[in-house]
Amino acid sequence: MGVLQSAWEFLWAVLFNWKGLAAGLLFMAVSLLHLLPEERRARLDARFPPEARRKLLVATCGFLFVIASFQAYDEKSRDVSVLRDKIAGMERQSRNPNALYQGGREVALIAGERSMVPKGPSFLRS
């Protein structure tokens, strides 16, 4: 896997996580504002103008992007550690140093009893 492909996969994971976090936050913020009674909404607009709320939401989305990148890194590192454990488990199996393996199975011995070339019928041997 190339560096560009790894970077693309990481960025895709970050965007996927960020999309979920940001969409959830924006949905909650907008939904809660519409659930408030009119007089409360008017007081909120007076104390906290919509432009300030927009700036706060943009700053929060930026913070959520940082959190999403940590989540993506954690997911990728967890995947790598699982693969490392699998590889370590495969290496722990005792293997004959004089054998050839394919797919984890011994298929032939080098300088051993079994040969890679079958001997054939005994009447063909000289």
Protein backbone atom coordinates (compact mmCIF):
# COMPACT_ATOMS: atom_id res chain seq x y z
CA MET A 1 0.00 0.00 0.00
CA GLY A 2 1.42 3.34 -1.01
CA VAL A 3 1.73 6.47 1.07
CA LEU A 4 -0.94 8.29 -0.92
CA GLN A 5 -3.40 5.44 -0.49
CA SER A 6 -2.73 5.35 3.27
CA ALA A 7 -3.17 9.12 3.52
CA TRP A 8 -6.41 8.94 1.52
CA GLU A 9 -7.81 6.16 3.72
CA PHE A 10 -6.92 8.12 6.86
CA LEU A 11 -8.49 11.32 5.50
CA TRP A 12 -11.61 9.39 4.49
CA ALA A 13 -11.90 7.94 8.00
CA VAL A 14 -11.45 11.42 9.52
CA LEU A 15 -14.14 12.89 7.26
CA PHE A 16 -16.50 10.02 8.02
CA ASN A 17 -16.07 10.48 11.79
CA TRP A 18 -16.27 14.28 11.53
CA LYS A 19 -19.41 14.10 9.44
CA GLY A 20 -21.13 12.11 12.17
CA LEU A 21 -19.98 14.34 15.00
CA ALA A 22 -20.67 17.65 13.25
CA ALA A 23 -24.03 16.57 11.84
CA GLY A 24 -25.13 15.37 15.25
CA LEU A 25 -24.07 18.60 16.92
CA LEU A 26 -25.66 20.84 14.30
CA PHE A 27 -28.86 18.83 14.32
CA MET A 28 -29.07 19.05 18.10
CA ALA A 29 -28.31 22.79 18.18
CA VAL A 30 -30.81 23.71 15.46
CA SER A 31 -33.48 21.36 16.77
CA LEU A 32 -33.20 22.65 20.31
CA LEU A 33 -33.49 26.25 19.14
CA HIS A 34 -36.72 25.47 17.30
CA LEU A 35 -38.13 23.69 20.33
CA LEU A 36 -37.73 26.78 22.52
CA PRO A 37 -40.73 29.05 23.02
CA GLU A 38 -40.78 32.33 21.05
CA GLU A 39 -40.03 34.60 24.04
CA ARG A 40 -37.03 32.50 25.06
CA ARG A 41 -35.76 32.47 21.49
CA ALA A 42 -36.07 36.26 21.34
CA ARG A 43 -34.09 36.62 24.62
CA LEU A 44 -31.46 34.23 23.29
CA ASP A 45 -31.16 36.24 20.06
CA ALA A 46 -30.74 39.42 22.11
CA ARG A 47 -28.04 37.97 24.39
CA PHE A 48 -26.33 35.77 21.83
CA PRO A 49 -26.77 37.07 18.26
CA PRO A 50 -27.01 34.59 15.39
CA GLU A 51 -23.60 35.68 14.00
CA ALA A 52 -21.93 34.82 17.32
CA ARG A 53 -23.74 31.47 17.38
CA ARG A 54 -22.52 30.77 13.84
CA LYS A 55 -18.92 31.53 14.88
CA LEU A 56 -19.30 29.26 17.88
CA LEU A 57 -20.67 26.43 15.71
CA VAL A 58 -17.83 26.83 13.19
CA ALA A 59 -15.25 26.76 16.01
CA THR A 60 -16.96 23.70 17.50
CA CYS A 61 -16.92 21.97 14.11
CA GLY A 62 -13.17 22.66 13.88
CA PHE A 63 -12.71 21.14 17.34
CA LEU A 64 -14.80 18.15 16.29
CA PHE A 65 -12.51 17.73 13.25
CA VAL A 66 -9.56 17.34 15.65
CA ILE A 67 -11.52 14.80 17.69
CA ALA A 68 -12.46 12.93 14.50
CA SER A 69 -8.80 12.71 13.48
CA PHE A 70 -7.93 11.19 16.85
CA GLN A 71 -10.78 8.70 16.45
CA ALA A 72 -9.58 7.74 12.96
CA TYR A 73 -6.02 7.32 14.24
CA ASP A 74 -7.30 5.16 17.09
CA GLU A 75 -9.29 2.97 14.67
CA LYS A 76 -6.31 2.54 12.34
CA SER A 77 -3.91 1.79 15.21
CA ARG A 78 -6.38 -0.76 16.60
CA ASP A 79 -6.52 -2.45 13.17
CA VAL A 80 -2.72 -2.51 13.01
CA SER A 81 -2.42 -3.99 16.51
CA VAL A 82 -4.93 -6.73 15.62
CA LEU A 83 -2.88 -7.60 12.53
CA ARG A 84 0.34 -7.57 14.57
CA ASP A 85 -1.21 -9.99 17.05
CA LYS A 86 -2.26 -12.29 14.20
CA ILE A 87 1.22 -12.21 12.70
CA ALA A 88 2.81 -12.82 16.09
CA GLY A 89 0.48 -15.79 16.59
CA MET A 90 1.53 -17.24 13.25
CA GLU A 91 5.22 -16.80 14.07
CA ARG A 92 4.83 -18.57 17.41
CA GLN A 93 4.06 -21.86 15.71
CA SER A 94 7.08 -24.10 15.74
CA ARG A 95 8.24 -24.63 12.20
CA ASN A 96 10.79 -26.94 10.75
CA PRO A 97 13.66 -24.82 9.43
CA ASN A 98 14.25 -27.36 6.64
CA ALA A 99 10.70 -27.21 5.31
CA LEU A 100 8.96 -25.13 2.69
CA TYR A 101 5.59 -23.72 3.71
CA GLN A 102 2.70 -22.53 1.61
CA GLY A 103 -0.41 -21.07 3.19
CA GLY A 104 0.87 -22.08 6.63
CA ARG A 105 1.15 -25.77 5.65
CA GLU A 106 4.34 -27.73 5.16
CA VAL A 107 4.57 -28.74 1.51
CA ALA A 108 8.11 -30.05 1.17
CA LEU A 109 11.31 -30.75 3.04
CA ILE A 110 14.68 -29.53 1.90
CA ALA A 111 17.40 -32.15 2.36
CA GLY A 112 14.93 -34.28 4.23
CA GLU A 113 12.99 -37.50 3.85
CA ARG A 114 10.42 -36.12 1.44
CA SER A 115 11.49 -34.71 -1.86
CA MET A 116 9.68 -32.13 -3.95
CA VAL A 117 9.99 -34.41 -6.99
CA PRO A 118 8.07 -37.69 -6.71
CA LYS A 119 10.25 -40.77 -7.23
CA GLY A 120 7.90 -42.68 -9.45
CA PRO A 121 7.42 -46.44 -9.71
CA SER A 122 10.30 -48.62 -8.61
CA PHE A 123 10.69 -50.37 -12.00
CA LEU A 124 11.61 -47.00 -13.59
CA ARG A 125 14.43 -46.36 -11.15
CA SER A 126 17.86 -47.58 -12.12
